[in-house]
Amino acid sequence: MTTAKQKPPGRWKPGESGNPKGRTPGSGEVAKIRASISARVPDILARLIEQALQGDTAAARLLLERAIAPLKAAEQAETLTLPDGTLTQQGRAVLASVARGELAPSQGAALLGAIGTLARVLEIDEMEARLTKLEQHHGKD
């Protein structure tokens, strides 16, 4: 007696259609509409171009939105000299630069995030140094 579960026999084999004489692909209503529009695309584009050239801003916008990728805002890089002091002092310098309008708020946020990451890295380095010192003092097990 076997304990493995067996699947009950299905009606169709894998890859076999349950309705071989069913609707053929591309014969639905949506496919018919797409085919009808597709046949007229050159005429539609020519008309849109003509309207855009005659001053129709909606036609011009539609053409341009489809033909040219939208521009993305980009911030200019700013030079910022941070003090050689603590990370807290550097963070305060970043905040002061944002407050004075010398630095964009998003750039300030990015710099503060980088300073925070640096603080975590330094913390790990200090913990590792302290652990190494303790192991040397007490001997490794």
N, C-alpha and C. Protein backbone atom coordinates (compact mmCIF):
# COMPACT_ATOMS: atom_id res chain seq x y z
N MET A 1 0.85 -1.18 0.00
CA MET A 1 0.00 0.00 0.00
C MET A 1 0.89 1.24 0.00
N THR A 2 0.63 2.16 -0.89
CA THR A 2 1.44 3.37 -0.99
C THR A 2 0.74 4.49 -0.26
N THR A 3 1.55 5.38 0.34
CA THR A 3 0.99 6.51 1.08
C THR A 3 1.03 7.79 0.26
N ALA A 4 1.65 7.76 -0.91
CA ALA A 4 1.74 8.97 -1.74
C ALA A 4 0.36 9.32 -2.27
N LYS A 5 0.07 10.62 -2.26
CA LYS A 5 -1.22 11.07 -2.77
C LYS A 5 -1.17 11.07 -4.29
N GLN A 6 -2.21 10.59 -4.88
CA GLN A 6 -2.30 10.60 -6.33
C GLN A 6 -3.38 11.59 -6.73
N LYS A 7 -3.12 12.34 -7.80
CA LYS A 7 -4.10 13.29 -8.29
C LYS A 7 -5.22 12.52 -8.99
N PRO A 8 -6.44 12.96 -8.79
CA PRO A 8 -7.52 12.31 -9.54
C PRO A 8 -7.36 12.64 -11.02
N PRO A 9 -7.74 11.73 -11.88
CA PRO A 9 -7.56 12.00 -13.31
C PRO A 9 -8.38 13.21 -13.74
N GLY A 10 -7.76 14.10 -14.52
CA GLY A 10 -8.45 15.29 -15.02
C GLY A 10 -9.17 14.98 -16.31
N ARG A 11 -9.92 15.96 -16.76
CA ARG A 11 -10.65 15.76 -18.01
C ARG A 11 -9.74 15.87 -19.22
N TRP A 12 -8.72 16.76 -19.12
CA TRP A 12 -7.85 17.00 -20.27
C TRP A 12 -6.40 16.80 -19.88
N LYS A 13 -5.63 16.49 -20.86
CA LYS A 13 -4.20 16.35 -20.65
C LYS A 13 -3.59 17.75 -20.66
N PRO A 14 -2.41 17.94 -20.02
CA PRO A 14 -1.76 19.24 -20.05
C PRO A 14 -1.53 19.70 -21.49
N GLY A 15 -1.89 20.97 -21.76
CA GLY A 15 -1.71 21.53 -23.10
C GLY A 15 -2.86 21.25 -24.04
N GLU A 16 -3.83 20.50 -23.59
CA GLU A 16 -4.97 20.17 -24.44
C GLU A 16 -6.13 21.08 -24.08
N SER A 17 -6.76 21.66 -25.06
CA SER A 17 -7.87 22.59 -24.82
C SER A 17 -9.12 21.83 -24.43
N GLY A 18 -9.90 22.45 -23.53
CA GLY A 18 -11.19 21.87 -23.16
C GLY A 18 -12.25 22.19 -24.19
N ASN A 19 -11.96 23.14 -25.08
CA ASN A 19 -12.92 23.51 -26.10
C ASN A 19 -12.16 23.79 -27.40
N PRO A 20 -11.76 22.74 -28.10
CA PRO A 20 -10.93 22.92 -29.28
C PRO A 20 -11.62 23.71 -30.41
N LYS A 21 -12.92 23.74 -30.43
CA LYS A 21 -13.62 24.49 -31.48
C LYS A 21 -14.12 25.84 -30.97
N GLY A 22 -13.53 26.32 -29.88
CA GLY A 22 -13.96 27.59 -29.27
C GLY A 22 -13.52 28.79 -30.09
N ARG A 23 -13.73 29.97 -29.52
CA ARG A 23 -13.41 31.24 -30.19
C ARG A 23 -11.93 31.29 -30.52
N THR A 24 -11.63 31.67 -31.73
CA THR A 24 -10.23 31.78 -32.14
C THR A 24 -9.65 33.08 -31.59
N PRO A 25 -8.36 33.10 -31.25
CA PRO A 25 -7.73 34.32 -30.74
C PRO A 25 -7.85 35.46 -31.74
N GLY A 26 -8.14 36.66 -31.23
CA GLY A 26 -8.25 37.84 -32.07
C GLY A 26 -9.61 38.05 -32.71
N SER A 27 -10.58 37.23 -32.35
CA SER A 27 -11.90 37.37 -32.98
C SER A 27 -12.91 38.07 -32.08
N GLY A 28 -12.48 38.54 -30.90
CA GLY A 28 -13.39 39.22 -29.98
C GLY A 28 -13.66 40.66 -30.40
N GLU A 29 -14.56 41.32 -29.70
CA GLU A 29 -14.96 42.70 -30.01
C GLU A 29 -13.80 43.67 -29.87
N VAL A 30 -13.01 43.53 -28.81
CA VAL A 30 -11.88 44.43 -28.58
C VAL A 30 -10.87 44.31 -29.72
N ALA A 31 -10.61 43.10 -30.16
CA ALA A 31 -9.67 42.89 -31.26
C ALA A 31 -10.19 43.54 -32.54
N LYS A 32 -11.50 43.46 -32.77
CA LYS A 32 -12.08 44.08 -33.97
C LYS A 32 -11.94 45.60 -33.91
N ILE A 33 -12.16 46.19 -32.74
CA ILE A 33 -12.03 47.64 -32.58
C ILE A 33 -10.59 48.06 -32.79
N ARG A 34 -9.66 47.32 -32.20
CA ARG A 34 -8.24 47.64 -32.38
C ARG A 34 -7.83 47.55 -33.85
N ALA A 35 -8.30 46.54 -34.54
CA ALA A 35 -7.95 46.39 -35.95
C ALA A 35 -8.52 47.55 -36.77
N SER A 36 -9.73 47.97 -36.44
CA SER A 36 -10.36 49.08 -37.16
C SER A 36 -9.59 50.38 -36.94
N ILE A 37 -9.19 50.64 -35.69
CA ILE A 37 -8.42 51.85 -35.38
C ILE A 37 -7.04 51.77 -36.01
N SER A 38 -6.43 50.63 -35.91
CA SER A 38 -5.07 50.45 -36.43
C SER A 38 -5.00 50.75 -37.92
N ALA A 39 -6.05 50.41 -38.65
CA ALA A 39 -6.06 50.68 -40.09
C ALA A 39 -6.11 52.19 -40.37
N ARG A 40 -6.61 52.99 -39.42
CA ARG A 40 -6.77 54.43 -39.63
C ARG A 40 -5.72 55.28 -38.92
N VAL A 41 -4.75 54.66 -38.26
CA VAL A 41 -3.75 55.41 -37.50
C VAL A 41 -3.01 56.45 -38.34
N PRO A 42 -2.56 56.13 -39.55
CA PRO A 42 -1.89 57.18 -40.34
C PRO A 42 -2.78 58.40 -40.59
N ASP A 43 -4.07 58.17 -40.88
CA ASP A 43 -4.99 59.28 -41.11
C ASP A 43 -5.20 60.10 -39.84
N ILE A 44 -5.34 59.40 -38.71
CA ILE A 44 -5.55 60.07 -37.43
C ILE A 44 -4.34 60.93 -37.08
N LEU A 45 -3.14 60.37 -37.24
CA LEU A 45 -1.92 61.13 -36.95
C LEU A 45 -1.79 62.34 -37.86
N ALA A 46 -2.08 62.18 -39.13
CA ALA A 46 -2.00 63.30 -40.06
C ALA A 46 -2.96 64.41 -39.64
N ARG A 47 -4.16 64.04 -39.23
CA ARG A 47 -5.15 65.04 -38.80
C ARG A 47 -4.70 65.73 -37.52
N LEU A 48 -4.16 64.97 -36.56
CA LEU A 48 -3.66 65.56 -35.32
C LEU A 48 -2.52 66.54 -35.59
N ILE A 49 -1.63 66.16 -36.47
CA ILE A 49 -0.51 67.04 -36.81
C ILE A 49 -1.03 68.32 -37.45
N GLU A 50 -1.99 68.17 -38.35
CA GLU A 50 -2.58 69.34 -39.02
C GLU A 50 -3.22 70.28 -37.99
N GLN A 51 -3.97 69.70 -37.05
CA GLN A 51 -4.63 70.51 -36.01
C GLN A 51 -3.59 71.20 -35.12
N ALA A 52 -2.54 70.46 -34.77
CA ALA A 52 -1.50 71.05 -33.92
C ALA A 52 -0.81 72.21 -34.62
N LEU A 53 -0.54 72.06 -35.90
CA LEU A 53 0.11 73.12 -36.66
C LEU A 53 -0.80 74.35 -36.83
N GLN A 54 -2.12 74.15 -36.72
CA GLN A 54 -3.07 75.25 -36.83
C GLN A 54 -3.35 75.90 -35.47
N GLY A 55 -2.63 75.47 -34.44
CA GLY A 55 -2.75 76.10 -33.14
C GLY A 55 -3.58 75.35 -32.11
N ASP A 56 -4.03 74.15 -32.41
CA ASP A 56 -4.80 73.36 -31.44
C ASP A 56 -3.83 72.81 -30.39
N THR A 57 -3.85 73.44 -29.21
CA THR A 57 -2.88 73.04 -28.17
C THR A 57 -3.15 71.65 -27.62
N ALA A 58 -4.42 71.23 -27.60
CA ALA A 58 -4.72 69.88 -27.11
C ALA A 58 -4.12 68.83 -28.04
N ALA A 59 -4.23 69.05 -29.35
CA ALA A 59 -3.64 68.12 -30.31
C ALA A 59 -2.12 68.13 -30.19
N ALA A 60 -1.55 69.34 -30.03
CA ALA A 60 -0.10 69.45 -29.90
C ALA A 60 0.37 68.72 -28.64
N ARG A 61 -0.34 68.92 -27.52
CA ARG A 61 0.05 68.27 -26.27
C ARG A 61 -0.02 66.76 -26.40
N LEU A 62 -1.09 66.25 -27.02
CA LEU A 62 -1.24 64.81 -27.19
C LEU A 62 -0.08 64.24 -27.99
N LEU A 63 0.27 64.90 -29.09
CA LEU A 63 1.39 64.42 -29.91
C LEU A 63 2.70 64.47 -29.14
N LEU A 64 2.95 65.59 -28.48
CA LEU A 64 4.23 65.74 -27.77
C LEU A 64 4.34 64.79 -26.58
N GLU A 65 3.24 64.57 -25.87
CA GLU A 65 3.28 63.65 -24.72
C GLU A 65 3.60 62.23 -25.15
N ARG A 66 3.16 61.87 -26.35
CA ARG A 66 3.40 60.50 -26.84
C ARG A 66 4.75 60.35 -27.53
N ALA A 67 5.29 61.46 -28.02
CA ALA A 67 6.52 61.37 -28.81
C ALA A 67 7.78 61.70 -28.02
N ILE A 68 7.66 62.54 -26.98
CA ILE A 68 8.84 63.00 -26.24
C ILE A 68 8.68 62.63 -24.77
N ALA A 69 9.71 62.05 -24.20
CA ALA A 69 9.67 61.68 -22.78
C ALA A 69 9.59 62.95 -21.94
N PRO A 70 8.80 62.92 -20.86
CA PRO A 70 8.68 64.13 -20.01
C PRO A 70 10.00 64.45 -19.32
N LEU A 71 10.24 65.74 -19.14
CA LEU A 71 11.45 66.19 -18.46
C LEU A 71 11.29 65.98 -16.96
N LYS A 72 12.37 65.60 -16.32
CA LYS A 72 12.35 65.42 -14.87
C LYS A 72 13.13 66.56 -14.23
N ALA A 73 12.61 67.02 -13.13
CA ALA A 73 13.29 68.10 -12.42
C ALA A 73 14.63 67.60 -11.88
N ALA A 74 15.64 68.44 -12.00
CA ALA A 74 16.96 68.09 -11.49
C ALA A 74 17.50 69.27 -10.70
N GLU A 75 18.06 68.97 -9.55
CA GLU A 75 18.64 70.02 -8.71
C GLU A 75 20.10 70.23 -9.08
N GLN A 76 20.53 71.47 -9.01
CA GLN A 76 21.93 71.78 -9.25
C GLN A 76 22.75 71.35 -8.03
N ALA A 77 23.92 70.83 -8.28
CA ALA A 77 24.81 70.46 -7.18
C ALA A 77 25.31 71.73 -6.49
N GLU A 78 25.34 71.72 -5.17
CA GLU A 78 25.81 72.87 -4.39
C GLU A 78 27.05 72.46 -3.62
N THR A 79 27.98 73.38 -3.50
CA THR A 79 29.19 73.13 -2.72
C THR A 79 28.90 73.53 -1.28
N LEU A 80 29.25 72.66 -0.37
CA LEU A 80 29.03 72.93 1.05
C LEU A 80 30.26 72.47 1.81
N THR A 81 30.83 73.37 2.58
CA THR A 81 31.98 73.02 3.40
C THR A 81 31.48 72.74 4.81
N LEU A 82 31.69 71.51 5.26
CA LEU A 82 31.26 71.13 6.60
C LEU A 82 32.42 71.32 7.58
N PRO A 83 32.08 71.65 8.82
CA PRO A 83 33.15 71.81 9.82
C PRO A 83 33.82 70.48 10.11
N ASP A 84 35.05 70.55 10.59
CA ASP A 84 35.79 69.33 10.92
C ASP A 84 35.39 68.76 12.28
N GLY A 85 34.41 69.35 12.93
CA GLY A 85 34.01 68.92 14.28
C GLY A 85 33.23 67.62 14.27
N THR A 86 32.36 67.51 15.24
CA THR A 86 31.58 66.29 15.43
C THR A 86 30.51 66.16 14.35
N LEU A 87 29.92 64.99 14.29
CA LEU A 87 28.83 64.78 13.34
C LEU A 87 27.64 65.67 13.68
N THR A 88 27.43 65.94 14.96
CA THR A 88 26.35 66.85 15.37
C THR A 88 26.61 68.25 14.82
N GLN A 89 27.83 68.71 14.91
CA GLN A 89 28.17 70.03 14.38
C GLN A 89 27.99 70.07 12.86
N GLN A 90 28.34 68.98 12.20
CA GLN A 90 28.16 68.92 10.76
C GLN A 90 26.67 68.93 10.39
N GLY A 91 25.87 68.21 11.14
CA GLY A 91 24.43 68.20 10.92
C GLY A 91 23.83 69.58 11.11
N ARG A 92 24.27 70.28 12.14
CA ARG A 92 23.79 71.65 12.38
C ARG A 92 24.20 72.58 11.23
N ALA A 93 25.38 72.38 10.67
CA ALA A 93 25.83 73.20 9.54
C ALA A 93 24.94 72.96 8.32
N VAL A 94 24.55 71.73 8.11
CA VAL A 94 23.66 71.41 6.99
C VAL A 94 22.31 72.10 7.20
N LEU A 95 21.76 71.99 8.41
CA LEU A 95 20.47 72.63 8.71
C LEU A 95 20.55 74.14 8.54
N ALA A 96 21.65 74.73 8.97
CA ALA A 96 21.82 76.18 8.83
C ALA A 96 21.87 76.58 7.35
N SER A 97 22.53 75.77 6.53
CA SER A 97 22.61 76.06 5.09
C SER A 97 21.23 75.98 4.44
N VAL A 98 20.43 75.02 4.87
CA VAL A 98 19.06 74.90 4.34
C VAL A 98 18.25 76.11 4.79
N ALA A 99 18.40 76.49 6.06
CA ALA A 99 17.65 77.63 6.59
C ALA A 99 18.01 78.93 5.89
N ARG A 100 19.27 79.09 5.50
CA ARG A 100 19.70 80.30 4.79
C ARG A 100 19.36 80.27 3.31
N GLY A 101 18.86 79.13 2.82
CA GLY A 101 18.51 79.01 1.41
C GLY A 101 19.69 78.70 0.51
N GLU A 102 20.82 78.33 1.10
CA GLU A 102 22.00 77.99 0.32
C GLU A 102 21.93 76.57 -0.22
N LEU A 103 21.08 75.77 0.39
CA LEU A 103 20.97 74.35 0.05
C LEU A 103 19.49 74.00 -0.04
N ALA A 104 19.11 73.24 -1.06
CA ALA A 104 17.72 72.80 -1.22
C ALA A 104 17.36 71.86 -0.07
N PRO A 105 16.11 71.91 0.40
CA PRO A 105 15.71 71.01 1.50
C PRO A 105 15.95 69.54 1.19
N SER A 106 15.72 69.12 -0.05
CA SER A 106 15.95 67.70 -0.38
C SER A 106 17.43 67.36 -0.31
N GLN A 107 18.29 68.30 -0.69
CA GLN A 107 19.73 68.05 -0.59
C GLN A 107 20.15 68.01 0.88
N GLY A 108 19.57 68.90 1.68
CA GLY A 108 19.86 68.88 3.12
C GLY A 108 19.44 67.56 3.76
N ALA A 109 18.25 67.08 3.36
CA ALA A 109 17.77 65.80 3.90
C ALA A 109 18.70 64.66 3.50
N ALA A 110 19.17 64.70 2.26
CA ALA A 110 20.09 63.64 1.81
C ALA A 110 21.40 63.69 2.58
N LEU A 111 21.91 64.89 2.82
CA LEU A 111 23.16 65.02 3.58
C LEU A 111 22.98 64.57 5.02
N LEU A 112 21.85 64.95 5.62
CA LEU A 112 21.60 64.50 7.00
C LEU A 112 21.49 62.98 7.08
N GLY A 113 20.88 62.39 6.07
CA GLY A 113 20.80 60.92 6.01
C GLY A 113 22.18 60.30 5.91
N ALA A 114 23.04 60.91 5.10
CA ALA A 114 24.41 60.40 4.96
C ALA A 114 25.19 60.54 6.26
N ILE A 115 24.99 61.67 6.95
CA ILE A 115 25.66 61.88 8.24
C ILE A 115 25.17 60.84 9.26
N GLY A 116 23.86 60.55 9.23
CA GLY A 116 23.31 59.53 10.13
C GLY A 116 23.89 58.15 9.85
N THR A 117 24.04 57.83 8.58
CA THR A 117 24.64 56.54 8.20
C THR A 117 26.09 56.48 8.66
N LEU A 118 26.81 57.57 8.47
CA LEU A 118 28.20 57.64 8.92
C LEU A 118 28.28 57.44 10.43
N ALA A 119 27.33 58.02 11.18
CA ALA A 119 27.32 57.86 12.64
C ALA A 119 27.16 56.39 13.01
N ARG A 120 26.30 55.67 12.31
CA ARG A 120 26.11 54.24 12.61
C ARG A 120 27.38 53.44 12.28
N VAL A 121 28.04 53.79 11.19
CA VAL A 121 29.28 53.10 10.82
C VAL A 121 30.36 53.35 11.87
N LEU A 122 30.49 54.61 12.31
CA LEU A 122 31.47 54.93 13.35
C LEU A 122 31.16 54.20 14.65
N GLU A 123 29.89 54.10 14.97
CA GLU A 123 29.47 53.39 16.19
C GLU A 123 29.90 51.93 16.13
N ILE A 124 29.72 51.30 14.98
CA ILE A 124 30.13 49.90 14.82
C ILE A 124 31.65 49.78 14.92
N ASP A 125 32.38 50.71 14.30
CA ASP A 125 33.84 50.69 14.39
C ASP A 125 34.30 50.82 15.84
N GLU A 126 33.67 51.73 16.60
CA GLU A 126 34.05 51.92 18.01
C GLU A 126 33.73 50.68 18.83
N MET A 127 32.58 50.05 18.57
CA MET A 127 32.22 48.83 19.31
C MET A 127 33.21 47.71 19.00
N GLU A 128 33.62 47.60 17.75
CA GLU A 128 34.59 46.58 17.36
C GLU A 128 35.93 46.82 18.05
N ALA A 129 36.37 48.07 18.12
CA ALA A 129 37.64 48.39 18.78
C ALA A 129 37.56 48.08 20.27
N ARG A 130 36.44 48.41 20.90
CA ARG A 130 36.28 48.13 22.33
C ARG A 130 36.25 46.62 22.60
N LEU A 131 35.57 45.88 21.72
CA LEU A 131 35.50 44.43 21.87
C LEU A 131 36.89 43.81 21.71
N THR A 132 37.63 44.27 20.73
CA THR A 132 38.99 43.76 20.52
C THR A 132 39.85 44.04 21.75
N LYS A 133 39.73 45.23 22.33
CA LYS A 133 40.51 45.60 23.52
C LYS A 133 40.13 44.72 24.69
N LEU A 134 38.81 44.48 24.87
CA LEU A 134 38.36 43.60 25.97
C LEU A 134 38.86 42.18 25.79
N GLU A 135 38.83 41.68 24.55
CA GLU A 135 39.31 40.33 24.30
C GLU A 135 40.80 40.22 24.57
N GLN A 136 41.56 41.23 24.24
CA GLN A 136 43.00 41.23 24.51
C GLN A 136 43.27 41.29 26.01
N HIS A 137 42.48 42.06 26.73
CA HIS A 137 42.66 42.22 28.17
C HIS A 137 42.29 40.96 28.93
N HIS A 138 41.18 40.33 28.54
CA HIS A 138 40.69 39.15 29.26
C HIS A 138 41.07 37.83 28.60
N GLY A 139 41.65 37.90 27.46
CA GLY A 139 42.03 36.69 26.74
C GLY A 139 40.85 36.10 26.01
N LYS A 140 41.12 35.60 24.81
CA LYS A 140 40.07 34.98 24.00
C LYS A 140 39.77 33.59 24.54
N ASP A 141 38.50 33.19 24.43
CA ASP A 141 38.11 31.84 24.85
C ASP A 141 38.26 30.86 23.74
